[in-house]
C-alpha cells in the first residue's frame, strides 16, 4: 500500500513539474512575441488583445 502511495505521489509531482515547465515555456514565448510587437507597432490595442488571448489560454491549461 505504501508503495502505491509513493508511486502515485511521484507521478503527481512529475505531472505538475511537466505542466510547470510547459507553462513557463509558453510564457516566455508570449513575452518575446510581445516585445517584438512593441518594437514593430508600439503599445496599442493589438498588444493588449495578444496578451489577453494568449494568457487566457495559458491559464486555462492549469484547470
PDB file of N, CA and C in Angstrom:
ATOM      1  N   UNK A   1       0.815  -1.186   0.000  1.00  0.00           N
ATOM      2  CA  UNK A   1       0.000   0.000   0.000  1.00  0.00           C
ATOM      3  C   UNK A   1       0.871   1.267   0.000  1.00  0.00           C
ATOM      4  N   UNK A   2       1.936   1.255   0.767  1.00  0.00           N
ATOM      5  CA  UNK A   2       2.829   2.413   0.830  1.00  0.00           C
ATOM      6  C   UNK A   2       3.532   2.625  -0.515  1.00  0.00           C
ATOM      7  N   UNK A   3       3.834   1.522  -1.188  1.00  0.00           N
ATOM      8  CA  UNK A   3       4.481   1.624  -2.498  1.00  0.00           C
ATOM      9  C   UNK A   3       3.557   2.291  -3.504  1.00  0.00           C
ATOM     10  N   UNK A   4       2.293   1.944  -3.477  1.00  0.00           N
ATOM     11  CA  UNK A   4       1.311   2.546  -4.388  1.00  0.00           C
ATOM     12  C   UNK A   4       1.193   4.044  -4.112  1.00  0.00           C
ATOM     13  N   UNK A   5       1.142   4.412  -2.852  1.00  0.00           N
ATOM     14  CA  UNK A   5       1.059   5.825  -2.485  1.00  0.00           C
ATOM     15  C   UNK A   5       2.308   6.580  -2.941  1.00  0.00           C
ATOM     16  N   UNK A   6       3.465   5.969  -2.789  1.00  0.00           N
ATOM     17  CA  UNK A   6       4.713   6.616  -3.209  1.00  0.00           C
ATOM     18  C   UNK A   6       4.753   6.799  -4.726  1.00  0.00           C
ATOM     19  N   UNK A   7       4.309   5.791  -5.453  1.00  0.00           N
ATOM     20  CA  UNK A   7       4.298   5.878  -6.918  1.00  0.00           C
ATOM     21  C   UNK A   7       3.312   6.947  -7.375  1.00  0.00           C
ATOM     22  N   UNK A   8       2.127   6.979  -6.776  1.00  0.00           N
ATOM     23  CA  UNK A   8       1.130   7.972  -7.155  1.00  0.00           C
ATOM     24  C   UNK A   8       1.591   9.396  -6.839  1.00  0.00           C
ATOM     25  N   UNK A   9       2.219   9.585  -5.702  1.00  0.00           N
ATOM     26  CA  UNK A   9       2.693  10.926  -5.367  1.00  0.00           C
ATOM     27  C   UNK A   9       3.840  11.349  -6.284  1.00  0.00           C
ATOM     28  N   UNK A  10       4.696  10.416  -6.641  1.00  0.00           N
ATOM     29  CA  UNK A  10       5.781  10.720  -7.572  1.00  0.00           C
ATOM     30  C   UNK A  10       5.240  11.073  -8.953  1.00  0.00           C
ATOM     31  N   UNK A  11       4.250  10.341  -9.417  1.00  0.00           N
ATOM     32  CA  UNK A  11       3.630  10.643 -10.711  1.00  0.00           C
ATOM     33  C   UNK A  11       2.928  11.998 -10.677  1.00  0.00           C
ATOM     34  N   UNK A  12       2.258  12.279  -9.577  1.00  0.00           N
ATOM     35  CA  UNK A  12       1.606  13.575  -9.440  1.00  0.00           C
ATOM     36  C   UNK A  12       2.608  14.713  -9.483  1.00  0.00           C
ATOM     37  N   UNK A  13       3.727  14.540  -8.811  1.00  0.00           N
ATOM     38  CA  UNK A  13       4.776  15.552  -8.839  1.00  0.00           C
ATOM     39  C   UNK A  13       5.349  15.709 -10.241  1.00  0.00           C
ATOM     40  N   UNK A  14       5.561  14.589 -10.930  1.00  0.00           N
ATOM     41  CA  UNK A  14       6.115  14.644 -12.284  1.00  0.00           C
ATOM     42  C   UNK A  14       5.166  15.383 -13.231  1.00  0.00           C
ATOM     43  N   UNK A  15       3.895  15.104 -13.130  1.00  0.00           N
ATOM     44  CA  UNK A  15       2.914  15.771 -13.985  1.00  0.00           C
ATOM     45  C   UNK A  15       2.897  17.268 -13.696  1.00  0.00           C
ATOM     46  N   UNK A  16       2.924  17.632 -12.434  1.00  0.00           N
ATOM     47  CA  UNK A  16       2.936  19.050 -12.055  1.00  0.00           C
ATOM     48  C   UNK A  16       4.200  19.734 -12.558  1.00  0.00           C
ATOM     49  N   UNK A  17       5.333  19.081 -12.452  1.00  0.00           N
ATOM     50  CA  UNK A  17       6.591  19.650 -12.930  1.00  0.00           C
ATOM     51  C   UNK A  17       6.563  19.854 -14.443  1.00  0.00           C
ATOM     52  N   UNK A  18       6.058  18.884 -15.168  1.00  0.00           N
ATOM     53  CA  UNK A  18       5.971  18.990 -16.630  1.00  0.00           C
ATOM     54  C   UNK A  18       5.041  20.134 -17.020  1.00  0.00           C
ATOM     55  N   UNK A  19       3.898  20.225 -16.350  1.00  0.00           N
ATOM     56  CA  UNK A  19       2.963  21.307 -16.655  1.00  0.00           C
ATOM     57  C   UNK A  19       3.581  22.657 -16.351  1.00  0.00           C
ATOM     58  N   UNK A  20       4.359  22.749 -15.283  1.00  0.00           N
ATOM     59  CA  UNK A  20       5.029  23.998 -14.932  1.00  0.00           C
ATOM     60  C   UNK A  20       6.042  24.392 -16.004  1.00  0.00           C
ATOM     61  N   UNK A  21       6.827  23.439 -16.454  1.00  0.00           N
ATOM     62  CA  UNK A  21       7.831  23.722 -17.491  1.00  0.00           C
ATOM     63  C   UNK A  21       7.152  24.175 -18.782  1.00  0.00           C
ATOM     64  N   UNK A  22       6.071  23.509 -19.166  1.00  0.00           N
ATOM     65  CA  UNK A  22       5.342  23.904 -20.371  1.00  0.00           C
ATOM     66  C   UNK A  22       4.746  25.296 -20.228  1.00  0.00           C
ATOM     67  N   UNK A  23       4.230  25.610 -19.043  1.00  0.00           N
ATOM     68  CA  UNK A  23       3.676  26.936 -18.795  1.00  0.00           C
ATOM     69  C   UNK A  23       4.758  28.002 -18.909  1.00  0.00           C
ATOM     70  N   UNK A  24       5.906  27.761 -18.298  1.00  0.00           N
ATOM     71  CA  UNK A  24       6.997  28.731 -18.351  1.00  0.00           C
ATOM     72  C   UNK A  24       7.478  28.944 -19.793  1.00  0.00           C
ATOM     73  N   UNK A  25       7.534  27.871 -20.562  1.00  0.00           N
ATOM     74  CA  UNK A  25       7.961  27.997 -21.952  1.00  0.00           C
ATOM     75  C   UNK A  25       6.962  28.830 -22.756  1.00  0.00           C
ATOM     76  N   UNK A  26       5.670  28.581 -22.549  1.00  0.00           N
ATOM     77  CA  UNK A  26       4.644  29.346 -23.249  1.00  0.00           C
ATOM     78  C   UNK A  26       4.668  30.814 -22.814  1.00  0.00           C
ATOM     79  N   UNK A  27       4.903  31.043 -21.516  1.00  0.00           N
ATOM     80  CA  UNK A  27       5.004  32.412 -21.019  1.00  0.00           C
ATOM     81  C   UNK A  27       6.191  33.135 -21.653  1.00  0.00           C
ATOM     82  N   UNK A  28       7.310  32.448 -21.789  1.00  0.00           N
ATOM     83  CA  UNK A  28       8.494  33.054 -22.415  1.00  0.00           C
ATOM     84  C   UNK A  28       8.211  33.404 -23.874  1.00  0.00           C
ATOM     85  N   UNK A  29       7.516  32.510 -24.585  1.00  0.00           N
ATOM     86  CA  UNK A  29       7.160  32.799 -25.985  1.00  0.00           C
ATOM     87  C   UNK A  29       6.259  34.027 -26.080  1.00  0.00           C
ATOM     88  N   UNK A  30       5.289  34.118 -25.171  1.00  0.00           N
ATOM     89  CA  UNK A  30       4.393  35.279 -25.153  1.00  0.00           C
ATOM     90  C   UNK A  30       5.186  36.551 -24.892  1.00  0.00           C
ATOM     91  N   UNK A  31       6.100  36.502 -23.951  1.00  0.00           N
ATOM     92  CA  UNK A  31       6.915  37.671 -23.620  1.00  0.00           C
ATOM     93  C   UNK A  31       7.729  38.119 -24.837  1.00  0.00           C
ATOM     94  N   UNK A  32       8.329  37.172 -25.532  1.00  0.00           N
ATOM     95  CA  UNK A  32       9.121  37.516 -26.722  1.00  0.00           C
ATOM     96  C   UNK A  32       8.229  38.077 -27.832  1.00  0.00           C
ATOM     97  N   UNK A  33       7.064  37.495 -28.043  1.00  0.00           N
ATOM     98  CA  UNK A  33       6.143  38.000 -29.063  1.00  0.00           C
ATOM     99  C   UNK A  33       5.651  39.400 -28.732  1.00  0.00           C
ATOM    100  N   UNK A  34       5.441  39.658 -27.445  1.00  0.00           N
ATOM    101  CA  UNK A  34       5.003  40.988 -27.038  1.00  0.00           C
ATOM    102  C   UNK A  34       6.126  42.017 -27.222  1.00  0.00           C
ATOM    103  N   UNK A  35       7.359  41.625 -26.945  1.00  0.00           N
ATOM    104  CA  UNK A  35       8.494  42.528 -27.186  1.00  0.00           C
ATOM    105  C   UNK A  35       8.604  42.857 -28.665  1.00  0.00           C
ATOM    106  N   UNK A  36       8.482  41.831 -29.503  1.00  0.00           N
ATOM    107  CA  UNK A  36       8.580  42.027 -30.948  1.00  0.00           C
ATOM    108  C   UNK A  36       7.454  42.934 -31.442  1.00  0.00           C
ATOM    109  N   UNK A  37       6.245  42.700 -30.962  1.00  0.00           N
ATOM    110  CA  UNK A  37       5.107  43.524 -31.371  1.00  0.00           C
ATOM    111  C   UNK A  37       5.307  44.975 -30.936  1.00  0.00           C
ATOM    112  N   UNK A  38       5.819  45.174 -29.726  1.00  0.00           N
ATOM    113  CA  UNK A  38       6.040  46.529 -29.229  1.00  0.00           C
ATOM    114  C   UNK A  38       7.086  47.254 -30.060  1.00  0.00           C
ATOM    115  N   UNK A  39       8.138  46.551 -30.464  1.00  0.00           N
ATOM    116  CA  UNK A  39       9.166  47.187 -31.291  1.00  0.00           C
ATOM    117  C   UNK A  39       8.634  47.538 -32.680  1.00  0.00           C
ATOM    118  N   UNK A  40       7.782  46.682 -33.228  1.00  0.00           N
ATOM    119  CA  UNK A  40       7.276  46.915 -34.586  1.00  0.00           C
ATOM    120  C   UNK A  40       6.118  47.910 -34.620  1.00  0.00           C
ATOM    121  N   UNK A  41       5.203  47.809 -33.654  1.00  0.00           N
ATOM    122  CA  UNK A  41       3.965  48.592 -33.718  1.00  0.00           C
ATOM    123  C   UNK A  41       3.774  49.541 -32.541  1.00  0.00           C
ATOM    124  N   UNK A  42       4.604  49.438 -31.533  1.00  0.00           N
ATOM    125  CA  UNK A  42       4.409  50.237 -30.334  1.00  0.00           C
ATOM    126  C   UNK A  42       3.338  49.612 -29.448  1.00  0.00           C
ATOM    127  N   UNK A  43       3.014  50.325 -28.392  1.00  0.00           N
ATOM    128  CA  UNK A  43       1.992  49.852 -27.461  1.00  0.00           C
ATOM    129  C   UNK A  43       0.635  50.288 -28.006  1.00  0.00           C
ATOM    130  N   UNK A  44      -0.190  49.319 -28.358  1.00  0.00           N
ATOM    131  CA  UNK A  44      -1.509  49.634 -28.898  1.00  0.00           C
ATOM    132  C   UNK A  44      -2.523  48.583 -28.443  1.00  0.00           C
ATOM    133  N   UNK A  45      -3.709  48.681 -28.952  1.00  0.00           N
ATOM    134  CA  UNK A  45      -4.793  47.772 -28.569  1.00  0.00           C
ATOM    135  C   UNK A  45      -4.479  46.325 -28.961  1.00  0.00           C
ATOM    136  N   UNK A  46      -3.819  46.119 -30.072  1.00  0.00           N
ATOM    137  CA  UNK A  46      -3.482  44.765 -30.513  1.00  0.00           C
ATOM    138  C   UNK A  46      -2.555  44.064 -29.519  1.00  0.00           C
ATOM    139  N   UNK A  47      -1.674  44.826 -28.916  1.00  0.00           N
ATOM    140  CA  UNK A  47      -0.775  44.254 -27.913  1.00  0.00           C
ATOM    141  C   UNK A  47      -1.573  43.733 -26.721  1.00  0.00           C
ATOM    142  N   UNK A  48      -2.549  44.498 -26.278  1.00  0.00           N
ATOM    143  CA  UNK A  48      -3.390  44.084 -25.161  1.00  0.00           C
ATOM    144  C   UNK A  48      -4.192  42.842 -25.531  1.00  0.00           C
ATOM    145  N   UNK A  49      -4.736  42.812 -26.737  1.00  0.00           N
ATOM    146  CA  UNK A  49      -5.509  41.648 -27.204  1.00  0.00           C
ATOM    147  C   UNK A  49      -4.607  40.418 -27.266  1.00  0.00           C
ATOM    148  N   UNK A  50      -3.392  40.582 -27.750  1.00  0.00           N
ATOM    149  CA  UNK A  50      -2.425  39.482 -27.786  1.00  0.00           C
ATOM    150  C   UNK A  50      -2.186  38.928 -26.385  1.00  0.00           C
ATOM    151  N   UNK A  51      -1.964  39.823 -25.434  1.00  0.00           N
ATOM    152  CA  UNK A  51      -1.725  39.396 -24.057  1.00  0.00           C
ATOM    153  C   UNK A  51      -2.929  38.666 -23.469  1.00  0.00           C
ATOM    154  N   UNK A  52      -4.103  39.225 -23.638  1.00  0.00           N
ATOM    155  CA  UNK A  52      -5.311  38.654 -23.031  1.00  0.00           C
ATOM    156  C   UNK A  52      -5.618  37.282 -23.615  1.00  0.00           C
ATOM    157  N   UNK A  53      -5.592  37.157 -24.925  1.00  0.00           N
ATOM    158  CA  UNK A  53      -5.951  35.865 -25.540  1.00  0.00           C
ATOM    159  C   UNK A  53      -4.928  34.786 -25.222  1.00  0.00           C
ATOM    160  N   UNK A  54      -3.660  35.116 -25.295  1.00  0.00           N
ATOM    161  CA  UNK A  54      -2.640  34.093 -25.034  1.00  0.00           C
ATOM    162  C   UNK A  54      -2.550  33.735 -23.556  1.00  0.00           C
ATOM    163  N   UNK A  55      -2.702  34.716 -22.675  1.00  0.00           N
ATOM    164  CA  UNK A  55      -2.613  34.402 -21.247  1.00  0.00           C
ATOM    165  C   UNK A  55      -3.828  33.604 -20.792  1.00  0.00           C
ATOM    166  N   UNK A  56      -4.984  33.848 -21.358  1.00  0.00           N
ATOM    167  CA  UNK A  56      -6.164  33.047 -21.014  1.00  0.00           C
ATOM    168  C   UNK A  56      -5.965  31.593 -21.412  1.00  0.00           C
ATOM    169  N   UNK A  57      -5.367  31.377 -22.576  1.00  0.00           N
ATOM    170  CA  UNK A  57      -5.070  30.003 -22.997  1.00  0.00           C
ATOM    171  C   UNK A  57      -4.117  29.334 -22.013  1.00  0.00           C
ATOM    172  N   UNK A  58      -3.098  30.085 -21.588  1.00  0.00           N
ATOM    173  CA  UNK A  58      -2.119  29.508 -20.664  1.00  0.00           C
ATOM    174  C   UNK A  58      -2.749  29.188 -19.311  1.00  0.00           C
ATOM    175  N   UNK A  59      -3.594  30.067 -18.814  1.00  0.00           N
ATOM    176  CA  UNK A  59      -4.202  29.849 -17.511  1.00  0.00           C
ATOM    177  C   UNK A  59      -5.261  28.754 -17.549  1.00  0.00           C
ATOM    178  N   UNK A  60      -5.932  28.578 -18.672  1.00  0.00           N
ATOM    179  CA  UNK A  60      -6.897  27.500 -18.828  1.00  0.00           C
ATOM    180  C   UNK A  60      -6.196  26.142 -18.769  1.00  0.00           C
ATOM    181  N   UNK A  61      -4.934  26.129 -19.142  1.00  0.00           N
ATOM    182  CA  UNK A  61      -4.131  24.906 -19.132  1.00  0.00           C
ATOM    183  C   UNK A  61      -4.018  24.325 -17.728  1.00  0.00           C
ATOM    184  N   UNK A  62      -4.055  25.175 -16.691  1.00  0.00           N
ATOM    185  CA  UNK A  62      -3.875  24.714 -15.315  1.00  0.00           C
ATOM    186  C   UNK A  62      -5.145  24.171 -14.689  1.00  0.00           C
ATOM    187  N   UNK A  63      -6.285  24.338 -15.333  1.00  0.00           N
ATOM    188  CA  UNK A  63      -7.533  23.813 -14.746  1.00  0.00           C
ATOM    189  C   UNK A  63      -7.674  22.358 -14.923  1.00  0.00           C
TER     190      UNK A  63
END
